[in-house]
N, C-alpha and C. Protein backbone atom coordinates (compact mmCIF):
# COMPACT_ATOMS: atom_id res chain seq x y z
N MET A 1 -5.69 -18.27 -1.74
CA MET A 1 -4.37 -18.16 -1.18
C MET A 1 -4.49 -17.97 0.32
N THR A 2 -3.72 -18.70 1.06
CA THR A 2 -3.77 -18.56 2.51
C THR A 2 -2.45 -18.03 3.02
N GLY A 3 -2.53 -17.28 4.10
CA GLY A 3 -1.34 -16.70 4.72
C GLY A 3 -0.69 -17.70 5.66
N ARG A 4 0.30 -17.24 6.40
CA ARG A 4 1.03 -18.10 7.33
C ARG A 4 0.14 -18.63 8.45
N SER A 5 -0.85 -17.81 8.84
CA SER A 5 -1.70 -18.23 9.95
C SER A 5 -2.83 -19.14 9.49
N GLY A 6 -2.88 -19.49 8.20
CA GLY A 6 -3.92 -20.37 7.70
C GLY A 6 -5.16 -19.62 7.24
N ARG A 7 -5.21 -18.31 7.48
CA ARG A 7 -6.35 -17.51 7.03
C ARG A 7 -6.16 -17.11 5.58
N ARG A 8 -7.27 -16.89 4.90
CA ARG A 8 -7.21 -16.40 3.52
C ARG A 8 -6.61 -15.01 3.51
N LYS A 9 -6.00 -14.63 2.40
CA LYS A 9 -5.19 -13.42 2.37
C LYS A 9 -5.59 -12.48 1.24
N MET A 10 -5.59 -11.19 1.54
CA MET A 10 -5.78 -10.14 0.54
C MET A 10 -4.53 -9.27 0.59
N THR A 11 -3.92 -9.03 -0.58
CA THR A 11 -2.71 -8.21 -0.65
C THR A 11 -3.04 -6.91 -1.36
N VAL A 12 -2.65 -5.79 -0.75
CA VAL A 12 -2.88 -4.47 -1.32
C VAL A 12 -1.53 -3.87 -1.67
N PHE A 13 -1.39 -3.41 -2.91
CA PHE A 13 -0.15 -2.80 -3.38
C PHE A 13 -0.38 -1.29 -3.47
N VAL A 14 0.35 -0.52 -2.67
CA VAL A 14 0.19 0.93 -2.61
C VAL A 14 1.53 1.62 -2.82
N ARG A 15 1.46 2.92 -3.14
CA ARG A 15 2.67 3.74 -3.28
C ARG A 15 2.79 4.63 -2.05
N ARG A 16 3.85 4.44 -1.31
CA ARG A 16 4.10 5.29 -0.13
C ARG A 16 5.47 5.93 -0.31
N GLU A 17 5.49 7.25 -0.33
CA GLU A 17 6.72 8.01 -0.53
C GLU A 17 7.20 8.59 0.79
N THR A 18 8.49 8.66 0.98
CA THR A 18 9.08 9.35 2.11
C THR A 18 9.96 10.46 1.54
N VAL A 19 9.69 11.68 1.95
CA VAL A 19 10.41 12.84 1.44
C VAL A 19 11.22 13.43 2.58
N ALA A 20 12.52 13.62 2.35
CA ALA A 20 13.38 14.24 3.36
C ALA A 20 13.40 15.74 3.15
N PHE A 21 13.49 16.48 4.24
CA PHE A 21 13.61 17.93 4.13
C PHE A 21 14.70 18.42 5.07
N THR A 22 15.31 19.54 4.67
CA THR A 22 16.40 20.14 5.44
C THR A 22 16.07 21.61 5.65
N PRO A 23 16.80 22.29 6.53
CA PRO A 23 16.54 23.71 6.74
C PRO A 23 16.89 24.54 5.50
N GLU A 24 16.44 25.77 5.49
CA GLU A 24 16.75 26.66 4.37
C GLU A 24 18.26 26.82 4.25
N PRO A 25 18.77 27.00 3.01
CA PRO A 25 20.21 27.10 2.83
C PRO A 25 20.84 28.26 3.60
N GLY A 26 20.14 29.38 3.77
CA GLY A 26 20.70 30.53 4.46
C GLY A 26 20.93 30.31 5.94
N VAL A 27 20.20 29.40 6.56
CA VAL A 27 20.35 29.16 7.99
C VAL A 27 20.94 27.80 8.29
N SER A 28 21.56 27.18 7.29
CA SER A 28 22.09 25.84 7.51
C SER A 28 23.58 25.83 7.82
N HIS A 29 24.22 26.97 7.82
CA HIS A 29 25.65 27.02 8.17
C HIS A 29 25.80 27.35 9.65
N PRO A 30 26.68 26.64 10.36
CA PRO A 30 26.81 26.84 11.81
C PRO A 30 27.17 28.27 12.23
N CYS A 31 27.80 29.04 11.35
CA CYS A 31 28.18 30.41 11.70
C CYS A 31 27.01 31.39 11.57
N TRP A 32 25.97 30.96 10.93
CA TRP A 32 24.82 31.84 10.67
C TRP A 32 23.96 31.99 11.92
N PRO A 33 23.52 33.23 12.25
CA PRO A 33 22.64 33.39 13.41
C PRO A 33 21.32 32.64 13.18
N GLY A 34 20.86 31.98 14.17
CA GLY A 34 19.61 31.21 14.05
C GLY A 34 19.83 29.86 13.40
N TYR A 35 21.06 29.37 13.44
CA TYR A 35 21.41 28.08 12.84
C TYR A 35 20.53 26.96 13.39
N LYS A 36 19.99 26.17 12.50
CA LYS A 36 19.14 25.03 12.89
C LYS A 36 19.65 23.78 12.18
N THR A 37 19.86 22.74 12.92
CA THR A 37 20.32 21.47 12.33
C THR A 37 19.18 20.51 12.12
N VAL A 38 17.99 20.98 12.33
CA VAL A 38 16.85 20.07 12.26
C VAL A 38 16.61 19.64 10.81
N THR A 39 16.61 18.36 10.63
CA THR A 39 16.20 17.77 9.35
C THR A 39 15.15 16.73 9.69
N GLY A 40 14.46 16.31 8.71
CA GLY A 40 13.42 15.32 8.97
C GLY A 40 12.90 14.71 7.70
N SER A 41 11.83 13.97 7.86
CA SER A 41 11.20 13.35 6.70
C SER A 41 9.70 13.28 6.93
N MET A 42 9.00 13.13 5.85
CA MET A 42 7.55 13.06 5.90
C MET A 42 7.10 11.96 4.94
N SER A 43 6.19 11.13 5.37
CA SER A 43 5.65 10.08 4.51
C SER A 43 4.26 10.47 4.04
N TYR A 44 3.97 10.16 2.80
CA TYR A 44 2.64 10.41 2.29
C TYR A 44 2.26 9.33 1.29
N MET A 45 0.96 9.21 1.06
CA MET A 45 0.43 8.23 0.13
C MET A 45 -0.58 8.95 -0.76
N PRO A 46 -0.57 8.69 -2.07
CA PRO A 46 -1.57 9.32 -2.94
C PRO A 46 -2.99 8.99 -2.46
N TYR A 47 -3.91 9.89 -2.73
CA TYR A 47 -5.29 9.78 -2.24
C TYR A 47 -5.95 8.47 -2.66
N GLU A 48 -5.81 8.09 -3.93
CA GLU A 48 -6.47 6.87 -4.41
C GLU A 48 -5.90 5.62 -3.71
N ASP A 49 -4.62 5.63 -3.39
CA ASP A 49 -4.02 4.50 -2.68
C ASP A 49 -4.57 4.44 -1.25
N GLU A 50 -4.67 5.60 -0.62
CA GLU A 50 -5.19 5.67 0.74
C GLU A 50 -6.63 5.17 0.81
N GLU A 51 -7.45 5.58 -0.17
CA GLU A 51 -8.85 5.15 -0.23
C GLU A 51 -8.95 3.63 -0.39
N LEU A 52 -8.14 3.08 -1.29
CA LEU A 52 -8.17 1.64 -1.53
C LEU A 52 -7.71 0.88 -0.29
N LEU A 53 -6.70 1.38 0.40
CA LEU A 53 -6.22 0.72 1.60
C LEU A 53 -7.29 0.71 2.69
N GLU A 54 -8.00 1.82 2.87
CA GLU A 54 -9.08 1.87 3.87
C GLU A 54 -10.20 0.90 3.52
N LEU A 55 -10.56 0.85 2.24
CA LEU A 55 -11.59 -0.08 1.78
C LEU A 55 -11.15 -1.53 2.01
N ALA A 56 -9.90 -1.83 1.69
CA ALA A 56 -9.38 -3.18 1.87
C ALA A 56 -9.36 -3.57 3.34
N LYS A 57 -8.99 -2.63 4.23
CA LYS A 57 -9.01 -2.92 5.67
C LYS A 57 -10.40 -3.28 6.14
N ARG A 58 -11.38 -2.48 5.70
CA ARG A 58 -12.76 -2.70 6.12
C ARG A 58 -13.28 -4.05 5.61
N LEU A 59 -13.04 -4.35 4.33
CA LEU A 59 -13.55 -5.60 3.76
C LEU A 59 -12.79 -6.83 4.26
N SER A 60 -11.51 -6.68 4.56
CA SER A 60 -10.77 -7.83 5.10
C SER A 60 -11.28 -8.19 6.49
N ASP A 61 -11.65 -7.19 7.27
CA ASP A 61 -12.26 -7.48 8.58
C ASP A 61 -13.61 -8.16 8.41
N GLU A 62 -14.39 -7.64 7.46
CA GLU A 62 -15.74 -8.16 7.23
C GLU A 62 -15.71 -9.61 6.75
N TYR A 63 -14.75 -9.93 5.86
CA TYR A 63 -14.69 -11.27 5.28
C TYR A 63 -13.73 -12.20 6.03
N GLY A 64 -13.07 -11.69 7.05
CA GLY A 64 -12.14 -12.52 7.83
C GLY A 64 -10.88 -12.87 7.08
N LEU A 65 -10.36 -11.92 6.32
CA LEU A 65 -9.14 -12.14 5.55
C LEU A 65 -7.94 -11.52 6.24
N GLU A 66 -6.78 -12.10 6.02
CA GLU A 66 -5.53 -11.51 6.48
C GLU A 66 -5.13 -10.44 5.45
N LEU A 67 -4.78 -9.25 5.91
CA LEU A 67 -4.44 -8.15 5.00
C LEU A 67 -2.93 -7.97 4.98
N ASP A 68 -2.37 -7.98 3.78
CA ASP A 68 -0.94 -7.75 3.58
C ASP A 68 -0.80 -6.50 2.75
N VAL A 69 -0.02 -5.52 3.23
CA VAL A 69 0.16 -4.26 2.51
C VAL A 69 1.59 -4.22 2.00
N VAL A 70 1.74 -3.94 0.69
CA VAL A 70 3.04 -3.90 0.04
C VAL A 70 3.26 -2.50 -0.54
N ASN A 71 4.39 -1.89 -0.20
CA ASN A 71 4.77 -0.58 -0.74
C ASN A 71 5.55 -0.81 -2.02
N VAL A 72 4.97 -0.45 -3.17
CA VAL A 72 5.63 -0.69 -4.45
C VAL A 72 6.75 0.30 -4.75
N ASN A 73 6.98 1.27 -3.88
CA ASN A 73 8.09 2.20 -4.07
C ASN A 73 9.39 1.67 -3.47
N SER A 74 9.33 0.55 -2.77
CA SER A 74 10.56 -0.08 -2.26
C SER A 74 10.98 -1.17 -3.24
N LEU A 75 12.23 -1.55 -3.18
CA LEU A 75 12.75 -2.58 -4.09
C LEU A 75 12.03 -3.91 -3.86
N ARG A 76 11.87 -4.29 -2.59
CA ARG A 76 11.17 -5.54 -2.27
C ARG A 76 9.72 -5.49 -2.76
N GLY A 77 9.08 -4.33 -2.57
CA GLY A 77 7.70 -4.17 -3.02
C GLY A 77 7.56 -4.25 -4.52
N LYS A 78 8.52 -3.66 -5.25
CA LYS A 78 8.49 -3.74 -6.72
C LYS A 78 8.60 -5.18 -7.18
N LEU A 79 9.47 -5.95 -6.53
CA LEU A 79 9.63 -7.36 -6.90
C LEU A 79 8.36 -8.15 -6.59
N LYS A 80 7.78 -7.92 -5.42
CA LYS A 80 6.54 -8.62 -5.05
C LYS A 80 5.43 -8.29 -6.03
N ALA A 81 5.32 -7.01 -6.42
CA ALA A 81 4.29 -6.59 -7.36
C ALA A 81 4.50 -7.24 -8.72
N LYS A 82 5.72 -7.27 -9.17
CA LYS A 82 6.04 -7.87 -10.47
C LYS A 82 5.69 -9.35 -10.47
N LEU A 83 6.07 -10.05 -9.40
CA LEU A 83 5.78 -11.48 -9.31
C LEU A 83 4.29 -11.76 -9.18
N ALA A 84 3.55 -10.83 -8.58
CA ALA A 84 2.11 -11.00 -8.41
C ALA A 84 1.33 -10.67 -9.69
N GLY A 85 1.99 -10.02 -10.65
CA GLY A 85 1.32 -9.67 -11.90
C GLY A 85 0.66 -8.30 -11.87
N VAL A 86 1.09 -7.44 -10.95
CA VAL A 86 0.53 -6.09 -10.85
C VAL A 86 1.15 -5.23 -11.93
N ARG A 87 0.30 -4.55 -12.71
CA ARG A 87 0.80 -3.68 -13.76
C ARG A 87 0.89 -2.22 -13.31
N ARG A 88 -0.05 -1.79 -12.45
CA ARG A 88 0.01 -0.41 -11.95
C ARG A 88 -0.63 -0.35 -10.57
N ALA A 89 -0.11 0.56 -9.76
CA ALA A 89 -0.62 0.71 -8.39
C ALA A 89 -1.61 1.86 -8.35
N PRO A 90 -2.53 1.85 -7.45
CA PRO A 90 -2.77 0.84 -6.43
C PRO A 90 -3.41 -0.40 -7.04
N ALA A 91 -3.25 -1.51 -6.37
CA ALA A 91 -3.81 -2.78 -6.85
C ALA A 91 -4.14 -3.68 -5.67
N VAL A 92 -5.01 -4.64 -5.94
CA VAL A 92 -5.39 -5.62 -4.92
C VAL A 92 -5.25 -7.01 -5.53
N LYS A 93 -4.70 -7.94 -4.75
CA LYS A 93 -4.62 -9.32 -5.19
C LYS A 93 -5.36 -10.18 -4.18
N ILE A 94 -6.33 -10.93 -4.68
CA ILE A 94 -7.10 -11.86 -3.86
C ILE A 94 -7.01 -13.21 -4.56
N GLY A 95 -6.39 -14.17 -3.91
CA GLY A 95 -6.19 -15.45 -4.57
C GLY A 95 -5.27 -15.27 -5.76
N ASP A 96 -5.73 -15.69 -6.93
CA ASP A 96 -4.94 -15.51 -8.16
C ASP A 96 -5.38 -14.31 -8.97
N LYS A 97 -6.41 -13.60 -8.51
CA LYS A 97 -6.98 -12.48 -9.25
C LYS A 97 -6.34 -11.16 -8.81
N VAL A 98 -5.89 -10.36 -9.79
CA VAL A 98 -5.29 -9.06 -9.51
C VAL A 98 -6.18 -7.98 -10.11
N LEU A 99 -6.54 -7.00 -9.29
CA LEU A 99 -7.33 -5.85 -9.74
C LEU A 99 -6.41 -4.64 -9.74
N ASP A 100 -6.03 -4.16 -10.93
CA ASP A 100 -5.11 -3.02 -11.07
C ASP A 100 -5.85 -1.70 -11.03
N GLY A 101 -5.18 -0.69 -10.52
CA GLY A 101 -5.73 0.66 -10.51
C GLY A 101 -6.71 0.86 -9.36
N ALA A 102 -7.30 2.05 -9.33
CA ALA A 102 -8.27 2.37 -8.27
C ALA A 102 -9.48 1.46 -8.43
N VAL A 103 -9.79 0.71 -7.40
CA VAL A 103 -10.88 -0.26 -7.43
C VAL A 103 -12.00 0.24 -6.52
N GLY A 104 -13.23 0.20 -7.02
CA GLY A 104 -14.37 0.61 -6.22
C GLY A 104 -14.84 -0.51 -5.31
N GLU A 105 -15.70 -0.14 -4.36
CA GLU A 105 -16.18 -1.12 -3.38
C GLU A 105 -16.97 -2.24 -4.05
N GLU A 106 -17.82 -1.90 -5.02
CA GLU A 106 -18.63 -2.93 -5.68
C GLU A 106 -17.75 -3.94 -6.41
N GLU A 107 -16.74 -3.43 -7.12
CA GLU A 107 -15.85 -4.31 -7.87
C GLU A 107 -15.05 -5.23 -6.94
N LEU A 108 -14.60 -4.68 -5.81
CA LEU A 108 -13.84 -5.48 -4.86
C LEU A 108 -14.73 -6.52 -4.18
N ARG A 109 -15.94 -6.13 -3.82
CA ARG A 109 -16.88 -7.10 -3.22
C ARG A 109 -17.20 -8.23 -4.19
N LYS A 110 -17.41 -7.90 -5.46
CA LYS A 110 -17.71 -8.92 -6.48
C LYS A 110 -16.55 -9.90 -6.60
N ALA A 111 -15.32 -9.37 -6.60
CA ALA A 111 -14.14 -10.24 -6.68
C ALA A 111 -14.04 -11.14 -5.46
N LEU A 112 -14.35 -10.60 -4.29
CA LEU A 112 -14.33 -11.40 -3.06
C LEU A 112 -15.39 -12.49 -3.10
N GLU A 113 -16.60 -12.16 -3.57
CA GLU A 113 -17.68 -13.14 -3.66
C GLU A 113 -17.34 -14.24 -4.65
N ASP A 114 -16.68 -13.88 -5.77
CA ASP A 114 -16.29 -14.88 -6.77
C ASP A 114 -15.23 -15.84 -6.25
N ILE A 115 -14.32 -15.32 -5.44
CA ILE A 115 -13.19 -16.11 -5.00
C ILE A 115 -13.47 -16.88 -3.71
N MET A 116 -14.23 -16.33 -2.81
CA MET A 116 -14.45 -16.95 -1.50
C MET A 116 -15.02 -18.37 -1.59
N PRO A 117 -16.07 -18.64 -2.36
CA PRO A 117 -16.61 -20.01 -2.38
C PRO A 117 -15.62 -21.02 -2.93
N SER A 118 -14.79 -20.61 -3.91
CA SER A 118 -13.85 -21.56 -4.51
C SER A 118 -12.71 -21.93 -3.59
N GLU A 119 -12.41 -21.07 -2.59
CA GLU A 119 -11.32 -21.36 -1.67
C GLU A 119 -11.79 -21.96 -0.35
N ALA A 120 -13.07 -22.03 -0.13
CA ALA A 120 -13.60 -22.55 1.15
C ALA A 120 -13.47 -24.04 1.25
C-alpha cells in the first residue's frame, strides 16, 4: 500500500484518551473565597499503545515507510479501524496485513520483511 506521496505506508491504530477536569466543587462557585475558573484537559495513551507507536516510528524511519497514526477512540478512527480489519487496539497495518494487539519488534520486523519484497 502506498501513501499520497508514493511512499509505502504503515498505519498504527492506538487509543488516545482526553480527560477533562474542573476545579473542586467547593471552590467552583464565584462567591466562594479562592474561586478558580481554571478547567483543562489531559491526554494520555495506554503504555502498550505508546510502546507500539515508538517502535513503529523507529521501524518506519529504518524501512523508509510513511507512518499514519489513527486514534481509535475518535469516530473517524473507529471507522478507519473497522474498514482496515482491526479487531483490537493497538494494531499495525502494513499493506494488507493487520497485526492486532501489542506487537513485539521481532514480529513487526518479520511482517515488514514479508511484505517489502512483494511491494517493491
